[in-house]
Amino acid sequence: HAYVDANITGFLHVLEGCRHHGVGHLVFASSSSVYGANRKL
């Protein structure tokens, strides 16, 4: 639940803030963990 609260809900609030307040560029942290089961190196 900590991951959904911080990483999903929290990020949605950041996106909404950027959308409604004219932010010129959003840079966000993803992770090498997204590659998951990929084994092509």
PDB file of all heavy atoms in Angstrom:
ATOM      1  N   HIS A   1       0.815  -1.210   0.000  1.00  0.00           N
ATOM      2  CA  HIS A   1       0.000   0.000   0.000  1.00  0.00           C
ATOM      3  C   HIS A   1       0.852   1.265   0.000  1.00  0.00           C
ATOM      4  O   HIS A   1       0.455   2.296  -0.566  1.00  0.00           O
ATOM      5  CB  HIS A   1      -0.954  -0.001   1.203  1.00  0.00           C
ATOM      6  CG  HIS A   1      -1.956  -1.114   1.157  1.00  0.00           C
ATOM      7  ND1 HIS A   1      -1.710  -2.350   1.705  1.00  0.00           N
ATOM      8  CD2 HIS A   1      -3.187  -1.189   0.606  1.00  0.00           C
ATOM      9  CE1 HIS A   1      -2.745  -3.134   1.513  1.00  0.00           C
ATOM     10  NE2 HIS A   1      -3.664  -2.465   0.845  1.00  0.00           N
ATOM     11  N   ALA A   2       2.027   1.189   0.617  1.00  0.00           N
ATOM     12  CA  ALA A   2       2.920   2.359   0.653  1.00  0.00           C
ATOM     13  C   ALA A   2       3.341   2.761  -0.753  1.00  0.00           C
ATOM     14  O   ALA A   2       3.528   3.954  -1.041  1.00  0.00           O
ATOM     15  CB  ALA A   2       4.147   2.059   1.510  1.00  0.00           C
ATOM     16  N   TYR A   3       3.459   1.789  -1.651  1.00  0.00           N
ATOM     17  CA  TYR A   3       3.908   2.055  -3.021  1.00  0.00           C
ATOM     18  C   TYR A   3       2.801   2.695  -3.863  1.00  0.00           C
ATOM     19  O   TYR A   3       3.064   3.565  -4.682  1.00  0.00           O
ATOM     20  CB  TYR A   3       4.420   0.764  -3.658  1.00  0.00           C
ATOM     21  CG  TYR A   3       5.729   0.331  -3.042  1.00  0.00           C
ATOM     22  CD1 TYR A   3       5.746  -0.300  -1.802  1.00  0.00           C
ATOM     23  CD2 TYR A   3       6.939   0.603  -3.654  1.00  0.00           C
ATOM     24  CE1 TYR A   3       6.936  -0.660  -1.191  1.00  0.00           C
ATOM     25  CE2 TYR A   3       8.136   0.242  -3.063  1.00  0.00           C
ATOM     26  CZ  TYR A   3       8.138  -0.384  -1.831  1.00  0.00           C
ATOM     27  OH  TYR A   3       9.323  -0.721  -1.223  1.00  0.00           O
ATOM     28  N   VAL A   4       1.577   2.254  -3.624  1.00  0.00           N
ATOM     29  CA  VAL A   4       0.463   2.857  -4.354  1.00  0.00           C
ATOM     30  C   VAL A   4       0.224   4.288  -3.861  1.00  0.00           C
ATOM     31  O   VAL A   4       0.034   5.210  -4.656  1.00  0.00           O
ATOM     32  CB  VAL A   4      -0.804   2.002  -4.209  1.00  0.00           C
ATOM     33  CG1 VAL A   4      -2.006   2.712  -4.839  1.00  0.00           C
ATOM     34  CG2 VAL A   4      -0.595   0.645  -4.872  1.00  0.00           C
ATOM     35  N   ASP A   5       0.275   4.494  -2.554  1.00  0.00           N
ATOM     36  CA  ASP A   5       0.063   5.832  -1.996  1.00  0.00           C
ATOM     37  C   ASP A   5       1.112   6.822  -2.507  1.00  0.00           C
ATOM     38  O   ASP A   5       0.782   7.915  -2.970  1.00  0.00           O
ATOM     39  CB  ASP A   5       0.108   5.794  -0.464  1.00  0.00           C
ATOM     40  CG  ASP A   5      -1.060   5.033   0.140  1.00  0.00           C
ATOM     41  OD1 ASP A   5      -2.063   4.821  -0.575  1.00  0.00           O
ATOM     42  OD2 ASP A   5      -0.965   4.653   1.321  1.00  0.00           O
ATOM     43  N   ALA A   6       2.385   6.442  -2.427  1.00  0.00           N
ATOM     44  CA  ALA A   6       3.463   7.365  -2.785  1.00  0.00           C
ATOM     45  C   ALA A   6       3.709   7.419  -4.283  1.00  0.00           C
ATOM     46  O   ALA A   6       3.822   8.503  -4.863  1.00  0.00           O
ATOM     47  CB  ALA A   6       4.749   6.958  -2.060  1.00  0.00           C
ATOM     48  N   ASN A   7       3.782   6.266  -4.917  1.00  0.00           N
ATOM     49  CA  ASN A   7       4.249   6.216  -6.304  1.00  0.00           C
ATOM     50  C   ASN A   7       3.146   6.409  -7.341  1.00  0.00           C
ATOM     51  O   ASN A   7       3.425   6.850  -8.455  1.00  0.00           O
ATOM     52  CB  ASN A   7       4.963   4.888  -6.567  1.00  0.00           C
ATOM     53  CG  ASN A   7       6.172   4.679  -5.666  1.00  0.00           C
ATOM     54  OD1 ASN A   7       6.438   5.492  -4.772  1.00  0.00           O
ATOM     55  ND2 ASN A   7       6.897   3.603  -5.864  1.00  0.00           N
ATOM     56  N   ILE A   8       1.926   6.068  -6.984  1.00  0.00           N
ATOM     57  CA  ILE A   8       0.818   6.238  -7.927  1.00  0.00           C
ATOM     58  C   ILE A   8       0.006   7.489  -7.579  1.00  0.00           C
ATOM     59  O   ILE A   8      -0.082   8.435  -8.375  1.00  0.00           O
ATOM     60  CB  ILE A   8      -0.103   5.003  -7.946  1.00  0.00           C
ATOM     61  CG1 ILE A   8       0.707   3.737  -8.284  1.00  0.00           C
ATOM     62  CG2 ILE A   8      -1.236   5.223  -8.938  1.00  0.00           C
ATOM     63  CD1 ILE A   8       1.346   3.744  -9.651  1.00  0.00           C
ATOM     64  N   THR A   9      -0.572   7.523  -6.387  1.00  0.00           N
ATOM     65  CA  THR A   9      -1.386   8.677  -5.994  1.00  0.00           C
ATOM     66  C   THR A   9      -0.537   9.949  -5.943  1.00  0.00           C
ATOM     67  O   THR A   9      -0.941  11.002  -6.456  1.00  0.00           O
ATOM     68  CB  THR A   9      -2.049   8.427  -4.629  1.00  0.00           C
ATOM     69  OG1 THR A   9      -2.845   7.241  -4.703  1.00  0.00           O
ATOM     70  CG2 THR A   9      -2.918   9.604  -4.226  1.00  0.00           C
ATOM     71  N   GLY A  10       0.634   9.854  -5.337  1.00  0.00           N
ATOM     72  CA  GLY A  10       1.507  11.022  -5.249  1.00  0.00           C
ATOM     73  C   GLY A  10       1.893  11.549  -6.618  1.00  0.00           C
ATOM     74  O   GLY A  10       1.921  12.763  -6.853  1.00  0.00           O
ATOM     75  N   PHE A  11       2.192  10.642  -7.543  1.00  0.00           N
ATOM     76  CA  PHE A  11       2.585  11.073  -8.887  1.00  0.00           C
ATOM     77  C   PHE A  11       1.403  11.705  -9.632  1.00  0.00           C
ATOM     78  O   PHE A  11       1.582  12.671 -10.383  1.00  0.00           O
ATOM     79  CB  PHE A  11       3.149   9.888  -9.677  1.00  0.00           C
ATOM     80  CG  PHE A  11       3.754  10.279 -11.002  1.00  0.00           C
ATOM     81  CD1 PHE A  11       4.693  11.287 -11.080  1.00  0.00           C
ATOM     82  CD2 PHE A  11       3.386   9.630 -12.167  1.00  0.00           C
ATOM     83  CE1 PHE A  11       5.263  11.657 -12.300  1.00  0.00           C
ATOM     84  CE2 PHE A  11       3.955   9.979 -13.394  1.00  0.00           C
ATOM     85  CZ  PHE A  11       4.889  10.999 -13.457  1.00  0.00           C
ATOM     86  N   LEU A  12       0.208  11.171  -9.428  1.00  0.00           N
ATOM     87  CA  LEU A  12      -0.971  11.781 -10.039  1.00  0.00           C
ATOM     88  C   LEU A  12      -1.114  13.237  -9.595  1.00  0.00           C
ATOM     89  O   LEU A  12      -1.404  14.125 -10.411  1.00  0.00           O
ATOM     90  CB  LEU A  12      -2.224  10.996  -9.659  1.00  0.00           C
ATOM     91  CG  LEU A  12      -3.553  11.611 -10.127  1.00  0.00           C
ATOM     92  CD1 LEU A  12      -3.619  11.703 -11.646  1.00  0.00           C
ATOM     93  CD2 LEU A  12      -4.731  10.821  -9.567  1.00  0.00           C
ATOM     94  N   HIS A  13      -0.890  13.498  -8.312  1.00  0.00           N
ATOM     95  CA  HIS A  13      -1.010  14.866  -7.806  1.00  0.00           C
ATOM     96  C   HIS A  13       0.047  15.780  -8.418  1.00  0.00           C
ATOM     97  O   HIS A  13      -0.234  16.965  -8.693  1.00  0.00           O
ATOM     98  CB  HIS A  13      -0.914  14.862  -6.284  1.00  0.00           C
ATOM     99  CG  HIS A  13      -2.061  14.152  -5.630  1.00  0.00           C
ATOM    100  ND1 HIS A  13      -2.020  13.724  -4.322  1.00  0.00           N
ATOM    101  CD2 HIS A  13      -3.277  13.772  -6.117  1.00  0.00           C
ATOM    102  CE1 HIS A  13      -3.160  13.123  -4.023  1.00  0.00           C
ATOM    103  NE2 HIS A  13      -3.939  13.134  -5.090  1.00  0.00           N
ATOM    104  N   VAL A  14       1.244  15.248  -8.656  1.00  0.00           N
ATOM    105  CA  VAL A  14       2.291  16.029  -9.320  1.00  0.00           C
ATOM    106  C   VAL A  14       1.886  16.337 -10.762  1.00  0.00           C
ATOM    107  O   VAL A  14       2.020  17.469 -11.240  1.00  0.00           O
ATOM    108  CB  VAL A  14       3.641  15.287  -9.277  1.00  0.00           C
ATOM    109  CG1 VAL A  14       4.678  15.972 -10.178  1.00  0.00           C
ATOM    110  CG2 VAL A  14       4.169  15.224  -7.849  1.00  0.00           C
ATOM    111  N   LEU A  15       1.394  15.336 -11.470  1.00  0.00           N
ATOM    112  CA  LEU A  15       0.952  15.539 -12.847  1.00  0.00           C
ATOM    113  C   LEU A  15      -0.153  16.588 -12.929  1.00  0.00           C
ATOM    114  O   LEU A  15      -0.140  17.467 -13.807  1.00  0.00           O
ATOM    115  CB  LEU A  15       0.452  14.225 -13.446  1.00  0.00           C
ATOM    116  CG  LEU A  15       1.509  13.184 -13.801  1.00  0.00           C
ATOM    117  CD1 LEU A  15       0.841  11.847 -14.116  1.00  0.00           C
ATOM    118  CD2 LEU A  15       2.354  13.639 -14.992  1.00  0.00           C
ATOM    119  N   GLU A  16      -1.113  16.514 -12.024  1.00  0.00           N
ATOM    120  CA  GLU A  16      -2.203  17.485 -12.013  1.00  0.00           C
ATOM    121  C   GLU A  16      -1.683  18.893 -11.724  1.00  0.00           C
ATOM    122  O   GLU A  16      -2.134  19.876 -12.322  1.00  0.00           O
ATOM    123  CB  GLU A  16      -3.249  17.079 -10.980  1.00  0.00           C
ATOM    124  CG  GLU A  16      -4.195  16.005 -11.473  1.00  0.00           C
ATOM    125  CD  GLU A  16      -5.170  16.555 -12.503  1.00  0.00           C
ATOM    126  OE1 GLU A  16      -6.138  17.222 -12.118  1.00  0.00           O
ATOM    127  OE2 GLU A  16      -4.938  16.335 -13.718  1.00  0.00           O
ATOM    128  N   GLY A  17      -0.722  19.002 -10.803  1.00  0.00           N
ATOM    129  CA  GLY A  17      -0.128  20.302 -10.508  1.00  0.00           C
ATOM    130  C   GLY A  17       0.566  20.881 -11.720  1.00  0.00           C
ATOM    131  O   GLY A  17       0.422  22.074 -12.036  1.00  0.00           O
ATOM    132  N   CYS A  18       1.306  20.039 -12.430  1.00  0.00           N
ATOM    133  CA  CYS A  18       1.988  20.492 -13.648  1.00  0.00           C
ATOM    134  C   CYS A  18       0.986  20.919 -14.711  1.00  0.00           C
ATOM    135  O   CYS A  18       1.149  21.946 -15.380  1.00  0.00           O
ATOM    136  CB  CYS A  18       2.876  19.379 -14.196  1.00  0.00           C
ATOM    137  SG  CYS A  18       4.303  18.970 -13.165  1.00  0.00           S
ATOM    138  N   ARG A  19      -0.056  20.133 -14.861  1.00  0.00           N
ATOM    139  CA  ARG A  19      -1.082  20.404 -15.884  1.00  0.00           C
ATOM    140  C   ARG A  19      -1.771  21.749 -15.661  1.00  0.00           C
ATOM    141  O   ARG A  19      -1.963  22.528 -16.612  1.00  0.00           O
ATOM    142  CB  ARG A  19      -2.118  19.280 -15.857  1.00  0.00           C
ATOM    143  CG  ARG A  19      -3.356  19.564 -16.680  1.00  0.00           C
ATOM    144  CD  ARG A  19      -4.459  18.565 -16.344  1.00  0.00           C
ATOM    145  NE  ARG A  19      -5.706  18.913 -17.012  1.00  0.00           N
ATOM    146  CZ  ARG A  19      -6.881  18.306 -16.780  1.00  0.00           C
ATOM    147  NH1 ARG A  19      -6.942  17.322 -15.893  1.00  0.00           N
ATOM    148  NH2 ARG A  19      -7.967  18.686 -17.420  1.00  0.00           N
ATOM    149  N   HIS A  20      -2.129  22.031 -14.425  1.00  0.00           N
ATOM    150  CA  HIS A  20      -2.963  23.206 -14.148  1.00  0.00           C
ATOM    151  C   HIS A  20      -2.164  24.482 -13.866  1.00  0.00           C
ATOM    152  O   HIS A  20      -2.773  25.548 -13.729  1.00  0.00           O
ATOM    153  CB  HIS A  20      -3.891  22.908 -12.968  1.00  0.00           C
ATOM    154  CG  HIS A  20      -4.953  21.902 -13.284  1.00  0.00           C
ATOM    155  ND1 HIS A  20      -5.976  22.156 -14.174  1.00  0.00           N
ATOM    156  CD2 HIS A  20      -5.131  20.620 -12.844  1.00  0.00           C
ATOM    157  CE1 HIS A  20      -6.758  21.084 -14.258  1.00  0.00           C
ATOM    158  NE2 HIS A  20      -6.271  20.144 -13.465  1.00  0.00           N
ATOM    159  N   HIS A  21      -0.846  24.364 -13.777  1.00  0.00           N
ATOM    160  CA  HIS A  21      -0.064  25.547 -13.396  1.00  0.00           C
ATOM    161  C   HIS A  21       1.063  25.858 -14.372  1.00  0.00           C
ATOM    162  O   HIS A  21       2.058  26.490 -13.996  1.00  0.00           O
ATOM    163  CB  HIS A  21       0.456  25.382 -11.966  1.00  0.00           C
ATOM    164  CG  HIS A  21      -0.652  25.324 -10.948  1.00  0.00           C
ATOM    165  ND1 HIS A  21      -1.292  26.450 -10.492  1.00  0.00           N
ATOM    166  CD2 HIS A  21      -1.256  24.275 -10.337  1.00  0.00           C
ATOM    167  CE1 HIS A  21      -2.247  26.097  -9.635  1.00  0.00           C
ATOM    168  NE2 HIS A  21      -2.239  24.784  -9.522  1.00  0.00           N
ATOM    169  N   GLY A  22       0.919  25.421 -15.610  1.00  0.00           N
ATOM    170  CA  GLY A  22       1.817  25.871 -16.662  1.00  0.00           C
ATOM    171  C   GLY A  22       3.269  25.469 -16.532  1.00  0.00           C
ATOM    172  O   GLY A  22       4.160  26.210 -16.968  1.00  0.00           O
ATOM    173  N   VAL A  23       3.528  24.314 -15.949  1.00  0.00           N
ATOM    174  CA  VAL A  23       4.912  23.846 -15.814  1.00  0.00           C
ATOM    175  C   VAL A  23       5.485  23.542 -17.197  1.00  0.00           C
ATOM    176  O   VAL A  23       4.841  22.862 -18.014  1.00  0.00           O
ATOM    177  CB  VAL A  23       4.976  22.610 -14.894  1.00  0.00           C
ATOM    178  CG1 VAL A  23       6.353  21.943 -14.957  1.00  0.00           C
ATOM    179  CG2 VAL A  23       4.647  23.019 -13.462  1.00  0.00           C
ATOM    180  N   GLY A  24       6.708  24.004 -17.454  1.00  0.00           N
ATOM    181  CA  GLY A  24       7.305  23.866 -18.779  1.00  0.00           C
ATOM    182  C   GLY A  24       7.942  22.533 -19.068  1.00  0.00           C
ATOM    183  O   GLY A  24       8.138  22.173 -20.244  1.00  0.00           O
ATOM    184  N   HIS A  25       8.258  21.756 -18.025  1.00  0.00           N
ATOM    185  CA  HIS A  25       8.881  20.444 -18.229  1.00  0.00           C
ATOM    186  C   HIS A  25       8.863  19.692 -16.907  1.00  0.00           C
ATOM    187  O   HIS A  25       9.253  20.235 -15.866  1.00  0.00           O
ATOM    188  CB  HIS A  25      10.330  20.597 -18.703  1.00  0.00           C
ATOM    189  CG  HIS A  25      10.958  19.323 -19.198  1.00  0.00           C
ATOM    190  ND1 HIS A  25      12.334  19.172 -19.326  1.00  0.00           N
ATOM    191  CD2 HIS A  25      10.424  18.138 -19.604  1.00  0.00           C
ATOM    192  CE1 HIS A  25      12.607  17.974 -19.797  1.00  0.00           C
ATOM    193  NE2 HIS A  25      11.455  17.321 -19.963  1.00  0.00           N
ATOM    194  N   LEU A  26       8.406  18.458 -16.947  1.00  0.00           N
ATOM    195  CA  LEU A  26       8.439  17.553 -15.793  1.00  0.00           C
ATOM    196  C   LEU A  26       9.445  16.451 -16.067  1.00  0.00           C
ATOM    197  O   LEU A  26       9.314  15.712 -17.055  1.00  0.00           O
ATOM    198  CB  LEU A  26       7.055  16.943 -15.544  1.00  0.00           C
ATOM    199  CG  LEU A  26       7.002  15.731 -14.600  1.00  0.00           C
ATOM    200  CD1 LEU A  26       7.458  16.103 -13.189  1.00  0.00           C
ATOM    201  CD2 LEU A  26       5.596  15.123 -14.574  1.00  0.00           C
ATOM    202  N   VAL A  27      10.450  16.344 -15.200  1.00  0.00           N
ATOM    203  CA  VAL A  27      11.399  15.243 -15.254  1.00  0.00           C
ATOM    204  C   VAL A  27      11.123  14.360 -14.043  1.00  0.00           C
ATOM    205  O   VAL A  27      11.066  14.856 -12.916  1.00  0.00           O
ATOM    206  CB  VAL A  27      12.858  15.758 -15.215  1.00  0.00           C
ATOM    207  CG1 VAL A  27      13.833  14.594 -15.099  1.00  0.00           C
ATOM    208  CG2 VAL A  27      13.153  16.578 -16.469  1.00  0.00           C
ATOM    209  N   PHE A  28      10.930  13.067 -14.263  1.00  0.00           N
ATOM    210  CA  PHE A  28      10.575  12.189 -13.149  1.00  0.00           C
ATOM    211  C   PHE A  28      11.452  10.944 -13.123  1.00  0.00           C
ATOM    212  O   PHE A  28      11.959  10.489 -14.147  1.00  0.00           O
ATOM    213  CB  PHE A  28       9.095  11.796 -13.207  1.00  0.00           C
ATOM    214  CG  PHE A  28       8.715  10.908 -14.368  1.00  0.00           C
ATOM    215  CD1 PHE A  28       8.663   9.529 -14.223  1.00  0.00           C
ATOM    216  CD2 PHE A  28       8.400  11.455 -15.607  1.00  0.00           C
ATOM    217  CE1 PHE A  28       8.304   8.709 -15.290  1.00  0.00           C
ATOM    218  CE2 PHE A  28       8.035  10.649 -16.678  1.00  0.00           C
ATOM    219  CZ  PHE A  28       7.993   9.271 -16.517  1.00  0.00           C
ATOM    220  N   ALA A  29      11.617  10.410 -11.915  1.00  0.00           N
ATOM    221  CA  ALA A  29      12.439   9.222 -11.716  1.00  0.00           C
ATOM    222  C   ALA A  29      11.643   7.966 -12.019  1.00  0.00           C
ATOM    223  O   ALA A  29      10.619   7.696 -11.401  1.00  0.00           O
ATOM    224  CB  ALA A  29      12.954   9.169 -10.280  1.00  0.00           C
ATOM    225  N   SER A  30      12.142   7.204 -12.990  1.00  0.00           N
ATOM    226  CA  SER A  30      11.677   5.838 -13.175  1.00  0.00           C
ATOM    227  C   SER A  30      12.786   4.941 -12.612  1.00  0.00           C
ATOM    228  O   SER A  30      13.546   5.368 -11.744  1.00  0.00           O
ATOM    229  CB  SER A  30      11.374   5.555 -14.641  1.00  0.00           C
ATOM    230  OG  SER A  30      10.805   4.267 -14.783  1.00  0.00           O
ATOM    231  N   SER A  31      12.914   3.735 -13.098  1.00  0.00           N
ATOM    232  CA  SER A  31      13.880   2.812 -12.506  1.00  0.00           C
ATOM    233  C   SER A  31      14.222   1.686 -13.473  1.00  0.00           C
ATOM    234  O   SER A  31      13.395   1.299 -14.310  1.00  0.00           O
ATOM    235  CB  SER A  31      13.291   2.206 -11.223  1.00  0.00           C
ATOM    236  OG  SER A  31      14.057   1.111 -10.757  1.00  0.00           O
ATOM    237  N   SER A  32      15.422   1.151 -13.326  1.00  0.00           N
ATOM    238  CA  SER A  32      15.799  -0.033 -14.096  1.00  0.00           C
ATOM    239  C   SER A  32      14.913  -1.216 -13.748  1.00  0.00           C
ATOM    240  O   SER A  32      14.841  -2.193 -14.503  1.00  0.00           O
ATOM    241  CB  SER A  32      17.265  -0.392 -13.842  1.00  0.00           C
ATOM    242  OG  SER A  32      17.480  -0.707 -12.472  1.00  0.00           O
ATOM    243  N   SER A  33      14.192  -1.133 -12.621  1.00  0.00           N
ATOM    244  CA  SER A  33      13.303  -2.222 -12.212  1.00  0.00           C
ATOM    245  C   SER A  33      12.170  -2.450 -13.209  1.00  0.00           C
ATOM    246  O   SER A  33      11.552  -3.519 -13.207  1.00  0.00           O
ATOM    247  CB  SER A  33      12.716  -1.942 -10.827  1.00  0.00           C
ATOM    248  OG  SER A  33      13.720  -1.965  -9.836  1.00  0.00           O
ATOM    249  N   VAL A  34      11.888  -1.460 -14.075  1.00  0.00           N
ATOM    250  CA  VAL A  34      10.809  -1.660 -15.051  1.00  0.00           C
ATOM    251  C   VAL A  34      11.158  -2.767 -16.042  1.00  0.00           C
ATOM    252  O   VAL A  34      10.253  -3.344 -16.670  1.00  0.00           O
ATOM    253  CB  VAL A  34      10.472  -0.366 -15.824  1.00  0.00           C
ATOM    254  CG1 VAL A  34      10.059   0.742 -14.864  1.00  0.00           C
ATOM    255  CG2 VAL A  34      11.611   0.084 -16.714  1.00  0.00           C
ATOM    256  N   TYR A  35      12.443  -3.085 -16.199  1.00  0.00           N
ATOM    257  CA  TYR A  35      12.829  -4.115 -17.168  1.00  0.00           C
ATOM    258  C   TYR A  35      12.423  -5.509 -16.711  1.00  0.00           C
ATOM    259  O   TYR A  35      12.300  -6.416 -17.534  1.00  0.00           O
ATOM    260  CB  TYR A  35      14.329  -4.031 -17.466  1.00  0.00           C
ATOM    261  CG  TYR A  35      14.677  -2.805 -18.287  1.00  0.00           C
ATOM    262  CD1 TYR A  35      15.235  -1.687 -17.690  1.00  0.00           C
ATOM    263  CD2 TYR A  35      14.395  -2.758 -19.647  1.00  0.00           C
ATOM    264  CE1 TYR A  35      15.523  -0.538 -18.425  1.00  0.00           C
ATOM    265  CE2 TYR A  35      14.680  -1.626 -20.394  1.00  0.00           C
ATOM    266  CZ  TYR A  35      15.239  -0.516 -19.777  1.00  0.00           C
ATOM    267  OH  TYR A  35      15.492   0.614 -20.517  1.00  0.00           O
ATOM    268  N   GLY A  36      12.217  -5.685 -15.411  1.00  0.00           N
ATOM    269  CA  GLY A  36      11.629  -6.904 -14.886  1.00  0.00           C
ATOM    270  C   GLY A  36      12.226  -8.184 -15.429  1.00  0.00           C
ATOM    271  O   GLY A  36      13.414  -8.463 -15.266  1.00  0.00           O
ATOM    272  N   ALA A  37      11.388  -8.958 -16.110  1.00  0.00           N
ATOM    273  CA  ALA A  37      11.801 -10.271 -16.606  1.00  0.00           C
ATOM    274  C   ALA A  37      12.626 -10.202 -17.892  1.00  0.00           C
ATOM    275  O   ALA A  37      13.079 -11.238 -18.384  1.00  0.00           O
ATOM    276  CB  ALA A  37      10.571 -11.146 -16.837  1.00  0.00           C
ATOM    277  N   ASN A  38      12.828  -8.998 -18.445  1.00  0.00           N
ATOM    278  CA  ASN A  38      13.644  -8.877 -19.658  1.00  0.00           C
ATOM    279  C   ASN A  38      15.046  -9.428 -19.424  1.00  0.00           C
ATOM    280  O   ASN A  38      15.679  -9.133 -18.411  1.00  0.00           O
ATOM    281  CB  ASN A  38      13.773  -7.404 -20.086  1.00  0.00           C
ATOM    282  CG  ASN A  38      12.499  -6.835 -20.670  1.00  0.00           C
ATOM    283  OD1 ASN A  38      11.409  -7.300 -20.354  1.00  0.00           O
ATOM    284  ND2 ASN A  38      12.631  -5.823 -21.509  1.00  0.00           N
ATOM    285  N   ARG A  39      15.542 -10.191 -20.372  1.00  0.00           N
ATOM    286  CA  ARG A  39      16.905 -10.699 -20.247  1.00  0.00           C
ATOM    287  C   ARG A  39      17.768 -10.300 -21.458  1.00  0.00           C
ATOM    288  O   ARG A  39      18.916 -10.701 -21.561  1.00  0.00           O
ATOM    289  CB  ARG A  39      16.899 -12.234 -20.106  1.00  0.00           C
ATOM    290  CG  ARG A  39      16.279 -12.706 -18.815  1.00  0.00           C
ATOM    291  CD  ARG A  39      17.258 -12.734 -17.633  1.00  0.00           C
ATOM    292  NE  ARG A  39      17.906 -11.487 -17.318  1.00  0.00           N
ATOM    293  CZ  ARG A  39      17.392 -10.527 -16.548  1.00  0.00           C
ATOM    294  NH1 ARG A  39      16.207 -10.647 -16.037  1.00  0.00           N
ATOM    295  NH2 ARG A  39      18.069  -9.440 -16.297  1.00  0.00           N
ATOM    296  N   LYS A  40      17.223  -9.558 -22.378  1.00  0.00           N
ATOM    297  CA  LYS A  40      18.017  -9.044 -23.485  1.00  0.00           C
ATOM    298  C   LYS A  40      18.892  -7.900 -22.970  1.00  0.00           C
ATOM    299  O   LYS A  40      18.388  -6.900 -22.458  1.00  0.00           O
ATOM    300  CB  LYS A  40      17.092  -8.528 -24.596  1.00  0.00           C
ATOM    301  CG  LYS A  40      17.826  -7.875 -25.763  1.00  0.00           C
ATOM    302  CD  LYS A  40      16.840  -7.216 -26.716  1.00  0.00           C
ATOM    303  CE  LYS A  40      17.558  -6.383 -27.756  1.00  0.00           C
ATOM    304  NZ  LYS A  40      16.596  -5.615 -28.603  1.00  0.00           N
ATOM    305  N   LEU A  41      20.195  -8.065 -23.062  1.00  0.00           N
ATOM    306  CA  LEU A  41      21.138  -7.082 -22.540  1.00  0.00           C
ATOM    307  C   LEU A  41      21.954  -6.454 -23.664  1.00  0.00           C
ATOM    308  O   LEU A  41      22.273  -7.129 -24.640  1.00  0.00           O
ATOM    309  CB  LEU A  41      22.073  -7.737 -21.514  1.00  0.00           C
ATOM    310  CG  LEU A  41      21.385  -8.309 -20.265  1.00  0.00           C
ATOM    311  CD1 LEU A  41      22.395  -9.094 -19.438  1.00  0.00           C
ATOM    312  CD2 LEU A  41      20.778  -7.199 -19.426  1.00  0.00           C
TER     313      LEU A  41
END
